[in-house]
Amino acid sequence: MHPARLAFLPAASLVAALWAPIGAPSAAEPSAARVTIEYDQPLPNVPGKSLRVVRVDYAPGGTSPAHTHAPSAFIFARVLKGSIRSAVNDAPARVYREGEAFQERPGDRHRVSENASRTEPATLLATFVVDTADTELTTPAVRP
């Protein structure tokens, strides 16, 4: 196997931990997000931290349930294609269009994450700086 491919093997197990709580939609629900690991490496100059990059693809009308991320996660997200409606903590939902970005800080609650269009797909690239030991990156939010 090519050495570059070996670096992504740990990422395969990360996919399940990353967005597994999103799950598969029922016939009555819009499509769930599809998550692909793009990069997963420890930061050599910051012991105990890793850089993880994931691509999140939303079908038209696709959505993700409210969630939180690993307690150590700082996230920078950029819309690569289409438009994404997002709301973090108590901020109102906002539509981010291609090229626009937002961030999430450790402990933030991502209340809304969905494709803003019912007719066009959307893609988001999320870059995580996270404790290397954090393998469960996404947890469904507990409803009050």
Foldseek 3Di string as FASTA:
>chain_A
DDPVVVQCVVVVLLQCLEQVVQPADDPPAAGEKDKDWPHWDADPVDPQKIKTKIKIKAAQFYWGAKKAFDQFKKKKKAKQAAWWWWDKAPDDTDIHHHGDIDIDHRPIITHTTHGPGNHHMIMMMMIIIGGSPDSNTIDHDDDD
